[in-house]
Structure formats: structure tokens, C-alpha cells
Amino acid sequence: MSLLDRIATTAPTKPAKLIPVTAWSEARHDPPKPVTTLRRWCRDGRIPGARREGREWRVPADAEYSAFGTPTQSASASGKPFDLEKFLYG
């Protein structure tokens, strides 16, 4: 099967609907998190799929908060898993 045939037979995936990060926080947290915290989470990669559009951060409506965020470049480049116990306790 050629590449063009595979592209034609696969159904296009619909991108996730992006909503303002403040609306996302209002739906997920009571009380909502401060805007500065939400911006920091987006910048640090703690909300997967977060995108900056102009001066506003937008996130997928179904995004979940990740306390660890995205792995750093140095950790992913080494190929070794991150040892949290060693980091915390030496």
C-alpha cells in the first residue's frame, strides 16, 4: 500500500478544542488558580498541549495538570530515567 493510499484511507483526526487557560481553571479548580500560576504552569509544560496565542494561553479542554511537567532537555537527551529518590535524598 502506497503512502498516498494510507493517507486517503485514514480518517483525519479532529484537533482538540482550545480554551483560555482561565476558563480551564474555573472548570477544574474551586477556587480557580491565580493567572500568574496558570501562566507559569503553561510555560513550564505542566499543562500538556498549552499554546500561546497572542497574549493569551490556550489549553485543550480535556487537558490534565501534570505536577512534573515535560522532561528537561538534558534528562531526555541522556536517555536515562530520572531518579526522584536520588534527587530528593542524595
C-alpha atoms as a PDB file:
ATOM      1  CA  MET A   1       0.000   0.000   0.000  1.00  0.00           C
ATOM      2  CA  SER A   2       1.472   3.321  -1.021  1.00  0.00           C
ATOM      3  CA  LEU A   3       1.718   6.323   1.231  1.00  0.00           C
ATOM      4  CA  LEU A   4      -1.000   8.170  -0.687  1.00  0.00           C
ATOM      5  CA  ASP A   5      -3.388   5.238  -0.240  1.00  0.00           C
ATOM      6  CA  ARG A   6      -2.770   5.182   3.508  1.00  0.00           C
ATOM      7  CA  ILE A   7      -3.331   8.921   3.785  1.00  0.00           C
ATOM      8  CA  ALA A   8      -6.568   8.696   1.810  1.00  0.00           C
ATOM      9  CA  THR A   9      -7.941   5.821   3.937  1.00  0.00           C
ATOM     10  CA  THR A  10      -7.105   7.252   7.354  1.00  0.00           C
ATOM     11  CA  ALA A  11      -9.726   9.493   8.837  1.00  0.00           C
ATOM     12  CA  PRO A  12      -8.396  12.924   9.762  1.00  0.00           C
ATOM     13  CA  THR A  13      -8.159  13.482  13.483  1.00  0.00           C
ATOM     14  CA  LYS A  14     -10.024  16.456  14.827  1.00  0.00           C
ATOM     15  CA  PRO A  15      -7.754  18.725  16.872  1.00  0.00           C
ATOM     16  CA  ALA A  16      -8.724  19.273  20.484  1.00  0.00           C
ATOM     17  CA  LYS A  17     -10.726  22.406  21.159  1.00  0.00           C
ATOM     18  CA  LEU A  18      -8.507  25.048  22.764  1.00  0.00           C
ATOM     19  CA  ILE A  19      -9.985  27.194  25.526  1.00  0.00           C
ATOM     20  CA  PRO A  20      -8.492  30.049  27.566  1.00  0.00           C
ATOM     21  CA  VAL A  21      -6.448  28.759  30.492  1.00  0.00           C
ATOM     22  CA  THR A  22      -8.562  30.840  32.901  1.00  0.00           C
ATOM     23  CA  ALA A  23     -11.753  29.084  31.746  1.00  0.00           C
ATOM     24  CA  TRP A  24      -9.974  25.726  32.096  1.00  0.00           C
ATOM     25  CA  SER A  25      -9.002  26.581  35.678  1.00  0.00           C
ATOM     26  CA  GLU A  26     -12.517  27.746  36.574  1.00  0.00           C
ATOM     27  CA  ALA A  27     -13.882  24.383  35.444  1.00  0.00           C
ATOM     28  CA  ARG A  28     -11.226  22.314  37.255  1.00  0.00           C
ATOM     29  CA  HIS A  29     -10.383  24.173  40.473  1.00  0.00           C
ATOM     30  CA  ASP A  30     -12.511  25.700  43.216  1.00  0.00           C
ATOM     31  CA  PRO A  31     -11.446  28.465  43.735  1.00  0.00           C
ATOM     32  CA  PRO A  32      -9.679  28.993  40.369  1.00  0.00           C
ATOM     33  CA  LYS A  33      -5.887  29.275  40.422  1.00  0.00           C
ATOM     34  CA  PRO A  34      -4.304  32.740  40.043  1.00  0.00           C
ATOM     35  CA  VAL A  35      -3.469  33.799  36.480  1.00  0.00           C
ATOM     36  CA  THR A  36       0.250  34.005  37.293  1.00  0.00           C
ATOM     37  CA  THR A  37       0.235  30.376  38.454  1.00  0.00           C
ATOM     38  CA  LEU A  38      -1.602  29.252  35.313  1.00  0.00           C
ATOM     39  CA  ARG A  39       0.870  31.113  33.091  1.00  0.00           C
ATOM     40  CA  ARG A  40       3.798  29.502  34.895  1.00  0.00           C
ATOM     41  CA  TRP A  41       2.232  26.032  34.524  1.00  0.00           C
ATOM     42  CA  CYS A  42       1.779  26.613  30.776  1.00  0.00           C
ATOM     43  CA  ARG A  43       5.319  27.943  30.364  1.00  0.00           C
ATOM     44  CA  ASP A  44       6.805  25.006  32.326  1.00  0.00           C
ATOM     45  CA  GLY A  45       4.853  22.421  30.323  1.00  0.00           C
ATOM     46  CA  ARG A  46       2.710  21.284  33.245  1.00  0.00           C
ATOM     47  CA  ILE A  47      -0.461  21.558  31.160  1.00  0.00           C
ATOM     48  CA  PRO A  48       0.068  19.385  28.062  1.00  0.00           C
ATOM     49  CA  GLY A  49      -0.928  20.986  24.774  1.00  0.00           C
ATOM     50  CA  ALA A  50      -0.812  24.557  26.119  1.00  0.00           C
ATOM     51  CA  ARG A  51      -0.236  27.109  23.380  1.00  0.00           C
ATOM     52  CA  ARG A  52       0.330  30.824  23.399  1.00  0.00           C
ATOM     53  CA  GLU A  53      -1.948  32.701  21.024  1.00  0.00           C
ATOM     54  CA  GLY A  54      -1.112  36.375  21.090  1.00  0.00           C
ATOM     55  CA  ARG A  55      -1.053  37.414  24.735  1.00  0.00           C
ATOM     56  CA  GLU A  56      -3.260  34.558  25.934  1.00  0.00           C
ATOM     57  CA  TRP A  57      -2.511  30.957  26.858  1.00  0.00           C
ATOM     58  CA  ARG A  58      -4.939  28.364  25.494  1.00  0.00           C
ATOM     59  CA  VAL A  59      -5.160  24.725  26.516  1.00  0.00           C
ATOM     60  CA  PRO A  60      -7.102  21.693  25.265  1.00  0.00           C
ATOM     61  CA  ALA A  61     -10.463  21.443  27.024  1.00  0.00           C
ATOM     62  CA  ASP A  62      -9.612  17.925  28.221  1.00  0.00           C
ATOM     63  CA  ALA A  63      -6.062  18.735  29.413  1.00  0.00           C
ATOM     64  CA  GLU A  64      -4.917  17.457  32.792  1.00  0.00           C
ATOM     65  CA  TYR A  65      -2.392  19.131  35.096  1.00  0.00           C
ATOM     66  CA  SER A  66       0.937  17.316  35.446  1.00  0.00           C
ATOM     67  CA  ALA A  67       2.959  18.137  38.564  1.00  0.00           C
ATOM     68  CA  PHE A  68       6.229  17.177  36.869  1.00  0.00           C
ATOM     69  CA  GLY A  69       5.713  18.911  33.519  1.00  0.00           C
ATOM     70  CA  THR A  70       7.686  17.927  30.457  1.00  0.00           C
ATOM     71  CA  PRO A  71      11.117  16.375  30.935  1.00  0.00           C
ATOM     72  CA  THR A  72      14.078  18.693  30.607  1.00  0.00           C
ATOM     73  CA  GLN A  73      16.256  18.587  27.505  1.00  0.00           C
ATOM     74  CA  SER A  74      19.240  17.218  29.423  1.00  0.00           C
ATOM     75  CA  ALA A  75      17.227  14.393  31.003  1.00  0.00           C
ATOM     76  CA  SER A  76      15.691  13.271  27.721  1.00  0.00           C
ATOM     77  CA  ALA A  77      18.994  13.586  25.850  1.00  0.00           C
ATOM     78  CA  SER A  78      20.808  11.253  28.236  1.00  0.00           C
ATOM     79  CA  GLY A  79      18.223   8.500  27.763  1.00  0.00           C
ATOM     80  CA  LYS A  80      18.415   7.614  31.464  1.00  0.00           C
ATOM     81  CA  PRO A  81      15.264   7.670  33.606  1.00  0.00           C
ATOM     82  CA  PHE A  82      15.120  10.371  36.259  1.00  0.00           C
ATOM     83  CA  ASP A  83      15.704   9.023  39.786  1.00  0.00           C
ATOM     84  CA  LEU A  84      13.451  11.092  42.052  1.00  0.00           C
ATOM     85  CA  GLU A  85      14.643   9.487  45.293  1.00  0.00           C
ATOM     86  CA  LYS A  86      18.274  10.233  44.453  1.00  0.00           C
ATOM     87  CA  PHE A  87      17.341  13.826  43.582  1.00  0.00           C
ATOM     88  CA  LEU A  88      15.441  14.356  46.836  1.00  0.00           C
ATOM     89  CA  TYR A  89      17.589  12.425  49.281  1.00  0.00           C
ATOM     90  CA  GLY A  90      21.010  12.431  47.649  1.00  0.00           C
END
